[in-house]
């Protein structure tokens, strides 16, 4: 079986994982040695850029911050544009750069990545889902599935607990940008999403902003 990875393209951090030889999922470290990568891109010229921790470190420095794109997940599927050094970028194209770094970091250790499963918030609109898939394809990834983050969370919990779940569960997803609540009926690995509600702009960033006002 080829290298298949799972990717969480997050508002603030992104991560990539694969199954080890025993079938256990493991988070892969990036080339900096961290198991998460900041979802931040700094454009240093019209054709050059930094992704991840190096880019994040420039946030707050006026000289560089004007050339930084971050939290683009919140704008996926919209017509938002970014202008850096006379070049136009979109949330999709910026996300592609983040995904490309994740892919390249994984390939440094594991070789060519054949395909990927990418997670998205359960309340993502179709436009945002399509934009996420397009970003992955732009990064050179063959996308096998786009799955809801609560579904991935339920599967991960069942795996880690070593039990086969059966019943109706509430799954909370409080991320850097969104807060979702999903009710799911789970029998083994069969998951039926009954309903999902959420606020697209109520995540860690928003809590941070409110705390700074106190």
C-alpha atoms as a PDB file:
ATOM      1  CA  UNK A   1       0.000   0.000   0.000  1.00  0.00           C
ATOM      2  CA  UNK A   2       1.330   3.455  -0.870  1.00  0.00           C
ATOM      3  CA  UNK A   3       1.736   6.380   1.460  1.00  0.00           C
ATOM      4  CA  UNK A   4      -1.692   7.756   2.356  1.00  0.00           C
ATOM      5  CA  UNK A   5      -1.881  10.709   4.728  1.00  0.00           C
ATOM      6  CA  UNK A   6      -4.550  12.498   6.700  1.00  0.00           C
ATOM      7  CA  UNK A   7      -4.416  16.288   6.828  1.00  0.00           C
ATOM      8  CA  UNK A   8      -6.035  18.826   9.133  1.00  0.00           C
ATOM      9  CA  UNK A   9      -5.799  22.215   7.433  1.00  0.00           C
ATOM     10  CA  UNK A  10      -6.505  24.419  10.436  1.00  0.00           C
ATOM     11  CA  UNK A  11      -7.177  28.103  10.958  1.00  0.00           C
ATOM     12  CA  UNK A  12      -4.123  28.582  13.155  1.00  0.00           C
ATOM     13  CA  UNK A  13      -2.199  25.299  12.873  1.00  0.00           C
ATOM     14  CA  UNK A  14      -2.157  22.433  10.391  1.00  0.00           C
ATOM     15  CA  UNK A  15      -1.023  18.848  10.806  1.00  0.00           C
ATOM     16  CA  UNK A  16      -0.362  15.746   8.715  1.00  0.00           C
ATOM     17  CA  UNK A  17      -0.515  12.117   9.837  1.00  0.00           C
ATOM     18  CA  UNK A  18      -0.131   8.624   8.426  1.00  0.00           C
ATOM     19  CA  UNK A  19      -0.670   5.066   9.579  1.00  0.00           C
ATOM     20  CA  UNK A  20       2.422   3.312  10.898  1.00  0.00           C
ATOM     21  CA  UNK A  21       3.312  -0.321  10.193  1.00  0.00           C
ATOM     22  CA  UNK A  22       0.898  -1.482  12.901  1.00  0.00           C
ATOM     23  CA  UNK A  23      -2.010   0.556  11.565  1.00  0.00           C
ATOM     24  CA  UNK A  24      -1.757   3.161  14.315  1.00  0.00           C
ATOM     25  CA  UNK A  25      -2.036   6.807  13.189  1.00  0.00           C
ATOM     26  CA  UNK A  26       0.938   9.014  13.992  1.00  0.00           C
ATOM     27  CA  UNK A  27       1.395  12.749  13.568  1.00  0.00           C
ATOM     28  CA  UNK A  28       4.389  13.522  11.366  1.00  0.00           C
ATOM     29  CA  UNK A  29       6.903  16.160  12.405  1.00  0.00           C
ATOM     30  CA  UNK A  30       7.736  18.954  10.000  1.00  0.00           C
ATOM     31  CA  UNK A  31      11.344  19.733   9.111  1.00  0.00           C
ATOM     32  CA  UNK A  32      11.545  22.068  12.108  1.00  0.00           C
ATOM     33  CA  UNK A  33      10.801  19.092  14.359  1.00  0.00           C
ATOM     34  CA  UNK A  34       7.287  20.202  15.356  1.00  0.00           C
ATOM     35  CA  UNK A  35       4.135  18.105  14.954  1.00  0.00           C
ATOM     36  CA  UNK A  36       2.022  21.105  13.920  1.00  0.00           C
ATOM     37  CA  UNK A  37       2.731  23.843  11.388  1.00  0.00           C
ATOM     38  CA  UNK A  38       1.368  27.391  11.762  1.00  0.00           C
ATOM     39  CA  UNK A  39      -1.090  28.128   8.966  1.00  0.00           C
ATOM     40  CA  UNK A  40       0.745  31.316   8.081  1.00  0.00           C
ATOM     41  CA  UNK A  41       2.404  32.425   4.839  1.00  0.00           C
ATOM     42  CA  UNK A  42       4.741  35.417   4.520  1.00  0.00           C
ATOM     43  CA  UNK A  43       5.457  36.634   0.994  1.00  0.00           C
ATOM     44  CA  UNK A  44       9.035  37.912   0.787  1.00  0.00           C
ATOM     45  CA  UNK A  45       8.828  38.864  -2.897  1.00  0.00           C
ATOM     46  CA  UNK A  46       6.492  38.322  -5.845  1.00  0.00           C
ATOM     47  CA  UNK A  47       7.805  34.771  -6.216  1.00  0.00           C
ATOM     48  CA  UNK A  48       9.197  33.794  -2.803  1.00  0.00           C
ATOM     49  CA  UNK A  49       7.512  33.049   0.504  1.00  0.00           C
ATOM     50  CA  UNK A  50       7.896  31.465   3.923  1.00  0.00           C
ATOM     51  CA  UNK A  51       5.399  29.035   5.443  1.00  0.00           C
ATOM     52  CA  UNK A  52       4.943  28.051   9.066  1.00  0.00           C
ATOM     53  CA  UNK A  53       6.919  29.106  12.118  1.00  0.00           C
ATOM     54  CA  UNK A  54       9.250  31.469  10.250  1.00  0.00           C
ATOM     55  CA  UNK A  55       6.259  33.318   8.824  1.00  0.00           C
ATOM     56  CA  UNK A  56       4.395  33.321  12.134  1.00  0.00           C
ATOM     57  CA  UNK A  57       7.402  34.881  13.852  1.00  0.00           C
ATOM     58  CA  UNK A  58       6.987  38.003  11.728  1.00  0.00           C
ATOM     59  CA  UNK A  59       3.434  38.693  12.934  1.00  0.00           C
ATOM     60  CA  UNK A  60       3.403  41.874  14.953  1.00  0.00           C
ATOM     61  CA  UNK A  61       6.357  43.410  13.091  1.00  0.00           C
ATOM     62  CA  UNK A  62       4.871  46.151  10.930  1.00  0.00           C
ATOM     63  CA  UNK A  63       7.576  45.927   8.268  1.00  0.00           C
ATOM     64  CA  UNK A  64       6.749  42.292   7.567  1.00  0.00           C
ATOM     65  CA  UNK A  65       3.171  41.815   8.781  1.00  0.00           C
ATOM     66  CA  UNK A  66       1.755  43.658   5.766  1.00  0.00           C
ATOM     67  CA  UNK A  67       2.961  40.756   3.626  1.00  0.00           C
ATOM     68  CA  UNK A  68       1.502  37.976   5.769  1.00  0.00           C
ATOM     69  CA  UNK A  69      -1.601  35.876   5.052  1.00  0.00           C
ATOM     70  CA  UNK A  70      -3.042  33.992   8.019  1.00  0.00           C
ATOM     71  CA  UNK A  71      -6.348  32.497   9.151  1.00  0.00           C
ATOM     72  CA  UNK A  72      -7.271  32.016   5.497  1.00  0.00           C
ATOM     73  CA  UNK A  73      -9.430  29.008   6.379  1.00  0.00           C
ATOM     74  CA  UNK A  74     -12.110  31.472   7.491  1.00  0.00           C
ATOM     75  CA  UNK A  75     -12.310  32.796   3.944  1.00  0.00           C
ATOM     76  CA  UNK A  76     -12.256  29.524   2.006  1.00  0.00           C
ATOM     77  CA  UNK A  77     -14.893  29.465  -0.694  1.00  0.00           C
ATOM     78  CA  UNK A  78     -15.227  33.264  -0.749  1.00  0.00           C
ATOM     79  CA  UNK A  79     -14.036  35.835  -3.284  1.00  0.00           C
ATOM     80  CA  UNK A  80     -11.536  37.394  -0.894  1.00  0.00           C
ATOM     81  CA  UNK A  81      -8.250  38.483  -2.496  1.00  0.00           C
ATOM     82  CA  UNK A  82      -4.812  39.218  -1.081  1.00  0.00           C
ATOM     83  CA  UNK A  83      -2.280  41.493  -2.771  1.00  0.00           C
ATOM     84  CA  UNK A  84       1.430  41.060  -2.085  1.00  0.00           C
ATOM     85  CA  UNK A  85       4.223  42.548  -4.188  1.00  0.00           C
ATOM     86  CA  UNK A  86       1.811  43.224  -7.039  1.00  0.00           C
ATOM     87  CA  UNK A  87       0.585  39.612  -7.135  1.00  0.00           C
ATOM     88  CA  UNK A  88      -2.983  38.519  -6.369  1.00  0.00           C
ATOM     89  CA  UNK A  89      -3.589  35.525  -4.107  1.00  0.00           C
ATOM     90  CA  UNK A  90      -6.735  33.799  -2.868  1.00  0.00           C
ATOM     91  CA  UNK A  91      -7.520  31.790   0.268  1.00  0.00           C
ATOM     92  CA  UNK A  92      -7.290  28.690  -1.921  1.00  0.00           C
ATOM     93  CA  UNK A  93      -3.853  29.500  -3.334  1.00  0.00           C
ATOM     94  CA  UNK A  94      -2.488  30.449   0.088  1.00  0.00           C
ATOM     95  CA  UNK A  95      -3.867  27.217   1.562  1.00  0.00           C
ATOM     96  CA  UNK A  96      -2.153  25.322  -1.257  1.00  0.00           C
ATOM     97  CA  UNK A  97       1.206  26.691  -0.098  1.00  0.00           C
ATOM     98  CA  UNK A  98       0.551  25.478   3.450  1.00  0.00           C
ATOM     99  CA  UNK A  99      -0.512  22.049   2.212  1.00  0.00           C
ATOM    100  CA  UNK A 100       2.517  21.854  -0.060  1.00  0.00           C
ATOM    101  CA  UNK A 101       4.827  22.400   2.919  1.00  0.00           C
ATOM    102  CA  UNK A 102       3.071  19.647   4.882  1.00  0.00           C
ATOM    103  CA  UNK A 103       3.422  17.311   1.900  1.00  0.00           C
ATOM    104  CA  UNK A 104       7.073  18.123   1.288  1.00  0.00           C
ATOM    105  CA  UNK A 105       7.988  17.768   4.972  1.00  0.00           C
ATOM    106  CA  UNK A 106       6.350  14.339   5.068  1.00  0.00           C
ATOM    107  CA  UNK A 107       8.017  13.254   1.844  1.00  0.00           C
ATOM    108  CA  UNK A 108      11.461  14.107   3.217  1.00  0.00           C
ATOM    109  CA  UNK A 109      11.059  11.172   5.603  1.00  0.00           C
ATOM    110  CA  UNK A 110       8.510   8.830   4.051  1.00  0.00           C
ATOM    111  CA  UNK A 111       8.949   9.262   0.317  1.00  0.00           C
ATOM    112  CA  UNK A 112       6.294  10.130  -2.224  1.00  0.00           C
ATOM    113  CA  UNK A 113       2.785  10.755  -0.865  1.00  0.00           C
ATOM    114  CA  UNK A 114       0.229   8.949  -3.004  1.00  0.00           C
ATOM    115  CA  UNK A 115      -3.042  10.341  -1.702  1.00  0.00           C
ATOM    116  CA  UNK A 116      -4.691  12.170   1.176  1.00  0.00           C
ATOM    117  CA  UNK A 117      -7.806  12.402   3.302  1.00  0.00           C
ATOM    118  CA  UNK A 118      -8.491  16.025   4.273  1.00  0.00           C
ATOM    119  CA  UNK A 119     -10.780  17.131   7.101  1.00  0.00           C
ATOM    120  CA  UNK A 120     -13.094  20.153   7.057  1.00  0.00           C
ATOM    121  CA  UNK A 121     -15.552  21.649   9.575  1.00  0.00           C
ATOM    122  CA  UNK A 122     -18.941  19.945   9.472  1.00  0.00           C
ATOM    123  CA  UNK A 123     -20.684  23.235   8.707  1.00  0.00           C
ATOM    124  CA  UNK A 124     -18.367  24.161   5.815  1.00  0.00           C
ATOM    125  CA  UNK A 125     -20.389  25.232   2.789  1.00  0.00           C
ATOM    126  CA  UNK A 126     -19.964  23.350  -0.481  1.00  0.00           C
ATOM    127  CA  UNK A 127     -17.918  26.253  -1.846  1.00  0.00           C
ATOM    128  CA  UNK A 128     -15.473  25.995   1.063  1.00  0.00           C
ATOM    129  CA  UNK A 129     -15.195  22.218   0.670  1.00  0.00           C
ATOM    130  CA  UNK A 130     -14.507  22.565  -3.036  1.00  0.00           C
ATOM    131  CA  UNK A 131     -11.925  25.268  -2.347  1.00  0.00           C
ATOM    132  CA  UNK A 132     -10.187  22.983   0.161  1.00  0.00           C
ATOM    133  CA  UNK A 133     -10.031  20.146  -2.351  1.00  0.00           C
ATOM    134  CA  UNK A 134      -8.730  22.504  -5.033  1.00  0.00           C
ATOM    135  CA  UNK A 135      -6.015  23.760  -2.653  1.00  0.00           C
ATOM    136  CA  UNK A 136      -4.913  20.186  -1.960  1.00  0.00           C
ATOM    137  CA  UNK A 137      -4.780  19.394  -5.662  1.00  0.00           C
ATOM    138  CA  UNK A 138      -2.762  22.577  -6.310  1.00  0.00           C
ATOM    139  CA  UNK A 139      -0.311  21.310  -3.684  1.00  0.00           C
ATOM    140  CA  UNK A 140       0.131  18.100  -5.646  1.00  0.00           C
ATOM    141  CA  UNK A 141      -2.081  15.906  -3.483  1.00  0.00           C
ATOM    142  CA  UNK A 142      -4.538  13.348  -4.815  1.00  0.00           C
ATOM    143  CA  UNK A 143      -7.555  13.706  -2.532  1.00  0.00           C
ATOM    144  CA  UNK A 144      -9.327  10.429  -1.791  1.00  0.00           C
ATOM    145  CA  UNK A 145     -11.861  11.888   0.626  1.00  0.00           C
ATOM    146  CA  UNK A 146     -12.947  15.141   2.222  1.00  0.00           C
ATOM    147  CA  UNK A 147     -14.443  14.229   5.611  1.00  0.00           C
ATOM    148  CA  UNK A 148     -16.012  16.218   8.414  1.00  0.00           C
ATOM    149  CA  UNK A 149     -13.782  16.999  11.378  1.00  0.00           C
ATOM    150  CA  UNK A 150     -16.324  15.622  13.908  1.00  0.00           C
ATOM    151  CA  UNK A 151     -16.352  12.347  11.974  1.00  0.00           C
ATOM    152  CA  UNK A 152     -12.566  12.194  12.153  1.00  0.00           C
ATOM    153  CA  UNK A 153     -12.697  13.016  15.872  1.00  0.00           C
ATOM    154  CA  UNK A 154     -15.199  10.223  16.554  1.00  0.00           C
ATOM    155  CA  UNK A 155     -13.100   7.694  14.633  1.00  0.00           C
ATOM    156  CA  UNK A 156      -9.946   8.800  16.456  1.00  0.00           C
ATOM    157  CA  UNK A 157     -11.652   8.541  19.840  1.00  0.00           C
ATOM    158  CA  UNK A 158     -12.933   5.055  19.081  1.00  0.00           C
ATOM    159  CA  UNK A 159      -9.466   3.982  17.981  1.00  0.00           C
ATOM    160  CA  UNK A 160      -7.690   5.442  21.010  1.00  0.00           C
ATOM    161  CA  UNK A 161     -10.223   4.052  23.493  1.00  0.00           C
ATOM    162  CA  UNK A 162      -9.978   0.589  21.969  1.00  0.00           C
ATOM    163  CA  UNK A 163     -13.768   0.276  22.114  1.00  0.00           C
ATOM    164  CA  UNK A 164     -16.379   0.015  19.425  1.00  0.00           C
ATOM    165  CA  UNK A 165     -18.743   2.929  19.967  1.00  0.00           C
ATOM    166  CA  UNK A 166     -22.492   2.508  19.913  1.00  0.00           C
ATOM    167  CA  UNK A 167     -24.984   5.258  20.619  1.00  0.00           C
ATOM    168  CA  UNK A 168     -25.701   8.921  20.023  1.00  0.00           C
ATOM    169  CA  UNK A 169     -22.873  11.328  20.776  1.00  0.00           C
ATOM    170  CA  UNK A 170     -22.324  15.081  20.951  1.00  0.00           C
ATOM    171  CA  UNK A 171     -19.001  16.143  19.473  1.00  0.00           C
ATOM    172  CA  UNK A 172     -17.663  19.614  20.194  1.00  0.00           C
ATOM    173  CA  UNK A 173     -15.104  21.106  17.833  1.00  0.00           C
ATOM    174  CA  UNK A 174     -13.564  24.288  19.229  1.00  0.00           C
ATOM    175  CA  UNK A 175     -10.776  25.319  16.879  1.00  0.00           C
ATOM    176  CA  UNK A 176      -8.758  28.401  16.159  1.00  0.00           C
ATOM    177  CA  UNK A 177     -11.480  29.901  14.016  1.00  0.00           C
ATOM    178  CA  UNK A 178     -14.775  28.087  14.491  1.00  0.00           C
ATOM    179  CA  UNK A 179     -16.917  26.412  17.131  1.00  0.00           C
ATOM    180  CA  UNK A 180     -19.114  23.540  15.979  1.00  0.00           C
ATOM    181  CA  UNK A 181     -21.353  21.091  17.765  1.00  0.00           C
ATOM    182  CA  UNK A 182     -22.340  17.884  16.006  1.00  0.00           C
ATOM    183  CA  UNK A 183     -24.774  15.179  17.082  1.00  0.00           C
ATOM    184  CA  UNK A 184     -23.808  11.855  15.568  1.00  0.00           C
ATOM    185  CA  UNK A 185     -25.208   8.335  15.704  1.00  0.00           C
ATOM    186  CA  UNK A 186     -22.313   5.898  15.843  1.00  0.00           C
ATOM    187  CA  UNK A 187     -22.327   2.127  15.534  1.00  0.00           C
ATOM    188  CA  UNK A 188     -18.805   0.765  15.177  1.00  0.00           C
ATOM    189  CA  UNK A 189     -17.213   2.679  12.324  1.00  0.00           C
ATOM    190  CA  UNK A 190     -20.552   3.680  10.811  1.00  0.00           C
ATOM    191  CA  UNK A 191     -21.170   7.330  11.609  1.00  0.00           C
ATOM    192  CA  UNK A 192     -24.343   9.196  10.731  1.00  0.00           C
ATOM    193  CA  UNK A 193     -24.273  12.951  11.281  1.00  0.00           C
ATOM    194  CA  UNK A 194     -27.735  13.869  12.560  1.00  0.00           C
ATOM    195  CA  UNK A 195     -27.225  17.610  12.804  1.00  0.00           C
ATOM    196  CA  UNK A 196     -24.490  20.198  13.009  1.00  0.00           C
ATOM    197  CA  UNK A 197     -24.670  23.769  14.208  1.00  0.00           C
ATOM    198  CA  UNK A 198     -21.885  26.206  14.748  1.00  0.00           C
ATOM    199  CA  UNK A 199     -20.489  29.699  14.597  1.00  0.00           C
ATOM    200  CA  UNK A 200     -17.990  30.247  11.807  1.00  0.00           C
ATOM    201  CA  UNK A 201     -16.175  33.025  13.660  1.00  0.00           C
ATOM    202  CA  UNK A 202     -15.993  31.860  17.246  1.00  0.00           C
ATOM    203  CA  UNK A 203     -12.655  30.207  17.828  1.00  0.00           C
ATOM    204  CA  UNK A 204      -9.441  30.674  19.736  1.00  0.00           C
ATOM    205  CA  UNK A 205      -8.637  33.872  17.861  1.00  0.00           C
ATOM    206  CA  UNK A 206     -11.911  35.440  18.970  1.00  0.00           C
ATOM    207  CA  UNK A 207     -11.380  34.418  22.590  1.00  0.00           C
ATOM    208  CA  UNK A 208      -7.893  35.948  22.462  1.00  0.00           C
ATOM    209  CA  UNK A 209      -9.245  39.205  21.083  1.00  0.00           C
ATOM    210  CA  UNK A 210     -11.873  39.464  23.800  1.00  0.00           C
ATOM    211  CA  UNK A 211      -9.339  38.691  26.533  1.00  0.00           C
ATOM    212  CA  UNK A 212      -7.063  41.484  25.332  1.00  0.00           C
ATOM    213  CA  UNK A 213      -9.945  43.930  25.889  1.00  0.00           C
ATOM    214  CA  UNK A 214     -10.256  43.092  29.577  1.00  0.00           C
END
